[in-house]
Amino acid sequence: MENTPAKVPQTVVGFFQRDDVKNKFTEILGKRGNAYCSSVLTLVNQSDKLKACKPESVYMCALMAATLDLSINPSIGSAYIIPYNGVATFQIGYKGIIQLAQRSGVFKTIDAKPVFEGQIIQDDETFGGNKIQWSAKTSDKIIGYAGYFSLLNGFEKISYMSLADIEAHGRKFSKTYNSGPWKTDFEAMAMKTVLKLLLGKYAPLSVEMQMAQIADQSTIKDVDTLEVDYVDEGPEQITLEMIKEMYVEKTGKLDEKETENIGRIINSKEEASYRKVYNLLIKL
C-alpha cells in the first residue's frame, strides 16, 4: 500500500494567487482588482506574522477593505490588516473614517486633531463641562484629542477625550495596543478613537460606515453577512464594572428584552455571561 503524500498547508501568498480569489477582487474593484491583490501580497511579504496567519483570515480582511474601497497600505492610514495569534484582524484607520463620512454626502465638515496645553477652559457649560479655545495654546504638549463634525442640515457636535482617557480606551479595548498602529502611529489611532466614538453616538451612519464600525478590530468570517469575531477587541478578563459602564453608555440602543436580560446578569453577577454581554454591547 502506497503512502499518501501529506497535504501541504496553503500559504497566504499561494491563497492570493488563486484565480477565484483574484476574480473576487476584480468583481469588487474592476480593473483595480489585480493591483489590490498585489498590494495585499506586498503587505504580507513585509510581515512574518501576517505570513503565518490563516490565509482565509487575511483574505476576509482584505475583502472587507476592498468592499469599503479603502487602501490597506499602512502609510496611507485608511485601513489595516493586523496579525493576532495566528489570525488577521481588520482595523479601520482615521483617514478611512473620514473617507466613508465624506462619501455619505451628509457631512459638511468632519475632522479630528490634537488639543494642546492651555486650549481647554474648565467648567464651561458649552462643552460638556469644558470649552476648547484653540487660540489659547500655551505649549506644544498634547493633552488630548478632539473630534468634530457638522452636517448639511446644520447639526454639529464636538467631543474631547484627554490623553489619559484615550490611552485607557486603547488598552481596554485592543489586545494589540502594544503593537500595530497604536504603536507606530498613536496620533492617528487617537484621532480615530475620538472620532469613531463621536460618530457612533451622534451622527447618521451610512451603510458603509455601519459596516466599518462592526468590522473594526475583528476577525471576519463572512463579509457579505458581516459575521465577525472580536478576537482583537476586548480585554482578557471582562469585569462587572466594565459591563456596567458599557451598559449605561449603550442603554438607548438596546431593545426591551436586551435591557432586561443584561440588567439581570448585572444584578445577579452572572460571570459566565459577561463575555456574551460584552460582545453584544461592543457592536452597538
Protein backbone atom coordinates (compact mmCIF):
# COMPACT_ATOMS: atom_id res chain seq x y z
CA MET A 1 0.00 0.00 0.00
CA GLU A 2 1.46 3.33 -1.10
CA ASN A 3 1.78 6.15 1.39
CA THR A 4 -0.46 9.14 0.62
CA PRO A 5 1.59 12.34 0.48
CA ALA A 6 0.82 14.75 3.30
CA LYS A 7 -1.22 17.74 2.18
CA VAL A 8 0.89 20.89 2.31
CA PRO A 9 -0.93 23.77 4.06
CA GLN A 10 -1.61 26.65 1.71
CA THR A 11 0.32 29.84 2.35
CA VAL A 12 -1.17 33.32 2.28
CA VAL A 13 0.80 34.07 -0.89
CA GLY A 14 -0.44 30.88 -2.54
CA PHE A 15 -4.01 31.66 -1.50
CA PHE A 16 -3.95 35.06 -3.19
CA GLN A 17 -2.61 33.55 -6.40
CA ARG A 18 -5.79 31.50 -6.87
CA ASP A 19 -7.99 32.53 -9.80
CA ASP A 20 -11.19 32.60 -7.71
CA VAL A 21 -9.55 34.97 -5.23
CA LYS A 22 -8.28 37.30 -7.94
CA ASN A 23 -11.68 37.22 -9.66
CA LYS A 24 -13.43 38.24 -6.43
CA PHE A 25 -11.34 41.40 -6.13
CA THR A 26 -11.89 42.14 -9.82
CA GLU A 27 -15.63 41.75 -9.25
CA ILE A 28 -15.49 44.37 -6.49
CA LEU A 29 -12.87 46.78 -7.83
CA GLY A 30 -12.93 46.19 -11.58
CA LYS A 31 -9.60 46.86 -13.29
CA ARG A 32 -8.03 47.77 -9.94
CA GLY A 33 -8.59 44.25 -8.58
CA ASN A 34 -5.22 42.76 -9.59
CA ALA A 35 -3.33 45.78 -8.26
CA TYR A 36 -5.20 45.48 -4.96
CA CYS A 37 -4.22 41.81 -4.64
CA SER A 38 -0.62 42.80 -5.30
CA SER A 39 -0.79 45.42 -2.53
CA VAL A 40 -2.02 42.75 -0.10
CA LEU A 41 0.86 40.45 -1.04
CA THR A 42 3.33 43.31 -0.60
CA LEU A 43 1.94 43.90 2.88
CA VAL A 44 2.12 40.20 3.76
CA ASN A 45 5.67 39.82 2.48
CA GLN A 46 6.75 42.61 4.82
CA SER A 47 5.41 40.84 7.92
CA ASP A 48 6.39 37.38 9.14
CA LYS A 49 3.37 37.44 11.47
CA LEU A 50 0.97 38.05 8.60
CA LYS A 51 2.66 35.28 6.61
CA ALA A 52 1.92 32.94 9.50
CA CYS A 53 -1.76 33.90 9.70
CA LYS A 54 -4.56 31.73 8.39
CA PRO A 55 -4.87 32.66 4.68
CA GLU A 56 -8.67 32.91 4.85
CA SER A 57 -8.46 35.48 7.66
CA VAL A 58 -6.12 37.71 5.63
CA TYR A 59 -8.39 37.29 2.61
CA MET A 60 -11.52 38.32 4.53
CA CYS A 61 -9.81 41.41 5.97
CA ALA A 62 -8.59 42.43 2.52
CA LEU A 63 -12.03 41.74 1.07
CA MET A 64 -13.67 43.98 3.69
CA ALA A 65 -11.23 46.78 2.93
CA ALA A 66 -11.84 46.34 -0.81
CA THR A 67 -15.61 46.34 -0.29
CA LEU A 68 -15.25 49.67 1.55
CA ASP A 69 -12.81 50.80 -1.18
CA LEU A 70 -10.10 51.58 1.37
CA SER A 71 -6.37 51.09 0.90
CA ILE A 72 -4.61 48.63 3.22
CA ASN A 73 -1.26 50.40 2.79
CA PRO A 74 -0.25 51.30 6.38
CA SER A 75 1.38 54.55 5.26
CA ILE A 76 -1.98 55.82 3.97
CA GLY A 77 -3.83 55.07 7.22
CA SER A 78 -7.22 54.15 5.77
CA ALA A 79 -7.39 50.52 6.90
CA TYR A 80 -5.07 47.96 8.44
CA ILE A 81 -4.68 44.18 8.47
CA ILE A 82 -3.27 43.31 11.88
CA PRO A 83 -1.97 39.84 12.87
CA TYR A 84 -3.06 38.49 16.24
CA ASN A 85 -2.40 34.94 17.48
CA GLY A 86 -2.26 33.44 14.00
CA VAL A 87 -5.28 35.21 12.54
CA ALA A 88 -5.65 38.52 10.73
CA THR A 89 -7.89 41.23 12.15
CA PHE A 90 -9.39 44.21 10.32
CA GLN A 91 -8.93 47.71 11.63
CA ILE A 92 -10.21 50.91 10.10
CA GLY A 93 -7.98 53.96 10.32
CA TYR A 94 -8.65 57.64 10.99
CA LYS A 95 -8.44 58.53 7.30
CA GLY A 96 -10.76 55.64 6.44
CA ILE A 97 -13.44 57.04 8.74
CA ILE A 98 -13.06 60.45 7.10
CA GLN A 99 -13.36 58.91 3.62
CA LEU A 100 -16.51 56.96 4.46
CA ALA A 101 -18.10 60.00 6.09
CA GLN A 102 -17.36 62.21 3.09
CA ARG A 103 -18.85 59.66 0.69
CA SER A 104 -22.14 59.59 2.58
CA GLY A 105 -22.98 63.07 1.32
CA VAL A 106 -24.49 64.29 4.61
CA PHE A 107 -21.40 65.83 6.21
CA LYS A 108 -20.39 69.43 5.67
CA THR A 109 -17.18 69.14 7.70
CA ILE A 110 -15.52 66.39 9.71
CA ASP A 111 -12.13 66.32 11.39
CA ALA A 112 -10.14 65.42 14.49
CA LYS A 113 -6.98 66.98 15.87
CA PRO A 114 -4.78 67.20 18.96
CA VAL A 115 -5.59 69.57 21.80
CA PHE A 116 -2.61 71.31 23.40
CA GLU A 117 -1.94 72.58 26.88
CA GLY A 118 -3.83 75.79 27.55
CA GLN A 119 -6.57 75.18 25.00
CA ILE A 120 -9.04 73.65 27.48
CA ILE A 121 -11.02 76.01 29.67
CA GLN A 122 -12.59 74.18 32.59
CA ASP A 123 -16.14 74.47 33.94
CA ASP A 124 -17.79 75.88 30.85
CA GLU A 125 -21.28 74.54 30.17
CA THR A 126 -20.97 74.97 26.40
CA PHE A 127 -18.78 71.90 26.02
CA GLY A 128 -19.78 69.20 28.45
CA GLY A 129 -18.02 70.92 31.33
CA ASN A 130 -15.11 72.06 29.15
CA LYS A 131 -14.55 74.51 26.33
CA ILE A 132 -11.80 74.45 23.73
CA GLN A 133 -10.21 77.78 22.96
CA TRP A 134 -7.88 76.99 20.08
CA SER A 135 -6.01 80.32 20.28
CA ALA A 136 -5.06 79.77 23.95
CA LYS A 137 -2.28 77.25 23.32
CA THR A 138 0.49 77.68 25.87
CA SER A 139 2.87 74.88 24.89
CA ASP A 140 3.42 72.05 22.41
CA LYS A 141 2.35 69.45 24.98
CA ILE A 142 -0.62 67.41 23.75
CA ILE A 143 -3.21 66.85 26.49
CA GLY A 144 -5.93 65.17 24.44
CA TYR A 145 -7.76 64.96 21.12
CA ALA A 146 -10.98 66.43 19.80
CA GLY A 147 -13.32 65.22 17.07
CA TYR A 148 -15.79 67.45 15.26
CA PHE A 149 -18.42 67.21 12.56
CA SER A 150 -21.18 69.32 11.09
CA LEU A 151 -23.97 68.10 8.84
CA LEU A 152 -25.51 69.79 5.82
CA ASN A 153 -28.73 70.18 7.83
CA GLY A 154 -26.90 72.37 10.36
CA PHE A 155 -26.42 69.87 13.20
CA GLU A 156 -22.92 69.86 14.66
CA LYS A 157 -21.10 68.17 17.52
CA ILE A 158 -17.66 68.22 19.09
CA SER A 159 -16.13 65.77 21.56
CA TYR A 160 -12.94 65.86 23.60
CA MET A 161 -11.01 62.99 25.19
CA SER A 162 -7.98 63.51 27.38
CA LEU A 163 -4.76 61.71 26.54
CA ALA A 164 -5.19 59.52 29.61
CA ASP A 165 -8.74 58.56 28.55
CA ILE A 166 -7.60 57.63 25.05
CA GLU A 167 -4.72 55.54 26.33
CA ALA A 168 -7.07 53.80 28.77
CA HIS A 169 -9.57 53.14 25.97
CA GLY A 170 -6.86 51.66 23.76
CA ARG A 171 -5.57 49.35 26.49
CA LYS A 172 -9.10 48.34 27.46
CA PHE A 173 -10.48 47.53 24.01
CA SER A 174 -7.49 46.42 21.96
CA LYS A 175 -5.29 43.44 22.66
CA THR A 176 -2.89 44.78 20.02
CA TYR A 177 -2.44 48.09 21.84
CA ASN A 178 1.29 47.45 22.20
CA SER A 179 1.72 46.61 18.52
CA GLY A 180 0.37 47.66 15.13
CA PRO A 181 -0.86 51.22 14.50
CA TRP A 182 -1.31 52.02 18.20
CA LYS A 183 2.47 51.72 18.47
CA THR A 184 3.53 53.03 15.06
CA ASP A 185 1.01 55.87 14.65
CA PHE A 186 -0.52 56.70 18.01
CA GLU A 187 -1.84 60.11 16.94
CA ALA A 188 -3.82 58.64 14.04
CA MET A 189 -5.33 56.00 16.34
CA ALA A 190 -6.14 58.64 18.97
CA MET A 191 -7.94 60.78 16.39
CA LYS A 192 -9.75 57.70 15.08
CA THR A 193 -10.88 56.79 18.60
CA VAL A 194 -12.40 60.16 19.46
CA LEU A 195 -13.98 60.48 16.01
CA LYS A 196 -15.37 56.93 15.91
CA LEU A 197 -16.99 57.30 19.35
CA LEU A 198 -18.41 60.70 18.41
CA LEU A 199 -19.91 59.49 15.13
CA GLY A 200 -21.24 56.29 16.66
CA LYS A 201 -23.15 58.30 19.26
CA TYR A 202 -24.38 61.35 17.35
CA ALA A 203 -24.03 61.03 13.57
CA PRO A 204 -26.22 59.37 10.94
CA LEU A 205 -24.20 56.39 9.72
CA SER A 206 -24.21 55.26 6.11
CA VAL A 207 -24.34 51.54 5.28
CA GLU A 208 -20.58 51.63 4.64
CA MET A 209 -19.91 53.35 7.96
CA GLN A 210 -22.04 50.82 9.81
CA MET A 211 -20.11 48.00 8.14
CA ALA A 212 -16.82 49.59 9.18
CA GLN A 213 -18.00 50.08 12.78
CA ILE A 214 -18.99 46.41 13.04
CA ALA A 215 -15.87 45.03 11.32
CA ASP A 216 -13.39 47.27 13.14
CA GLN A 217 -10.96 45.27 15.30
CA SER A 218 -12.48 41.91 14.35
CA THR A 219 -11.64 38.69 12.59
CA ILE A 220 -14.09 38.50 9.71
CA LYS A 221 -15.81 35.23 8.93
CA ASP A 222 -18.08 36.48 6.15
CA VAL A 223 -18.02 39.91 4.53
CA ASP A 224 -21.46 39.61 2.93
CA THR A 225 -23.28 38.72 6.17
CA LEU A 226 -20.92 40.72 8.41
CA GLU A 227 -20.30 37.69 10.61
CA VAL A 228 -17.33 38.63 12.78
CA ASP A 229 -15.47 37.57 15.90
CA TYR A 230 -13.95 40.23 18.13
CA VAL A 231 -10.71 38.37 18.63
CA ASP A 232 -8.66 41.53 18.87
CA GLU A 233 -11.11 43.74 20.68
CA GLY A 234 -11.59 43.33 24.37
CA PRO A 235 -9.51 42.57 27.42
CA GLU A 236 -8.57 39.12 28.58
CA GLN A 237 -10.98 39.45 31.51
CA ILE A 238 -14.41 41.11 31.45
CA THR A 239 -15.28 42.61 34.83
CA LEU A 240 -18.64 43.60 36.30
CA GLU A 241 -17.55 47.23 36.43
CA MET A 242 -16.70 47.14 32.73
CA ILE A 243 -20.11 45.70 31.85
CA LYS A 244 -21.89 48.30 34.00
CA GLU A 245 -20.01 51.15 32.30
CA MET A 246 -20.81 49.89 28.80
CA TYR A 247 -24.43 49.14 29.75
CA VAL A 248 -25.04 52.72 30.88
CA GLU A 249 -23.39 54.08 27.72
CA LYS A 250 -25.37 51.86 25.32
CA THR A 251 -28.77 51.70 27.10
CA GLY A 252 -30.53 53.79 24.46
CA LYS A 253 -29.53 51.33 21.73
CA LEU A 254 -30.89 48.22 23.46
CA ASP A 255 -34.36 46.80 22.98
CA GLU A 256 -36.59 45.93 25.95
CA LYS A 257 -35.60 42.26 26.09
CA GLU A 258 -31.86 43.02 25.86
CA THR A 259 -32.18 45.64 28.59
CA GLU A 260 -33.99 43.17 30.85
CA ASN A 261 -31.50 40.32 30.26
CA ILE A 262 -28.40 42.45 30.77
CA GLY A 263 -29.90 44.06 33.87
CA ARG A 264 -30.50 40.60 35.31
CA ILE A 265 -26.94 39.48 34.52
CA ILE A 266 -25.51 42.57 36.22
CA ASN A 267 -27.74 42.31 39.30
CA SER A 268 -27.14 38.57 39.66
CA LYS A 269 -23.41 38.89 38.89
CA GLU A 270 -23.57 36.06 36.33
CA GLU A 271 -19.87 35.97 35.46
CA ALA A 272 -20.31 33.23 32.86
CA SER A 273 -22.38 35.66 30.75
CA TYR A 274 -20.05 38.68 30.95
CA ARG A 275 -18.23 37.88 27.68
CA LYS A 276 -21.52 37.40 25.83
CA VAL A 277 -22.83 40.74 27.09
CA TYR A 278 -19.56 42.44 26.21
CA ASN A 279 -19.69 41.13 22.63
CA LEU A 280 -23.26 42.41 22.25
CA LEU A 281 -22.59 45.86 23.66
CA ILE A 282 -19.36 46.43 21.72
CA LYS A 283 -21.26 46.12 18.43
CA LEU A 284 -23.69 48.92 19.29
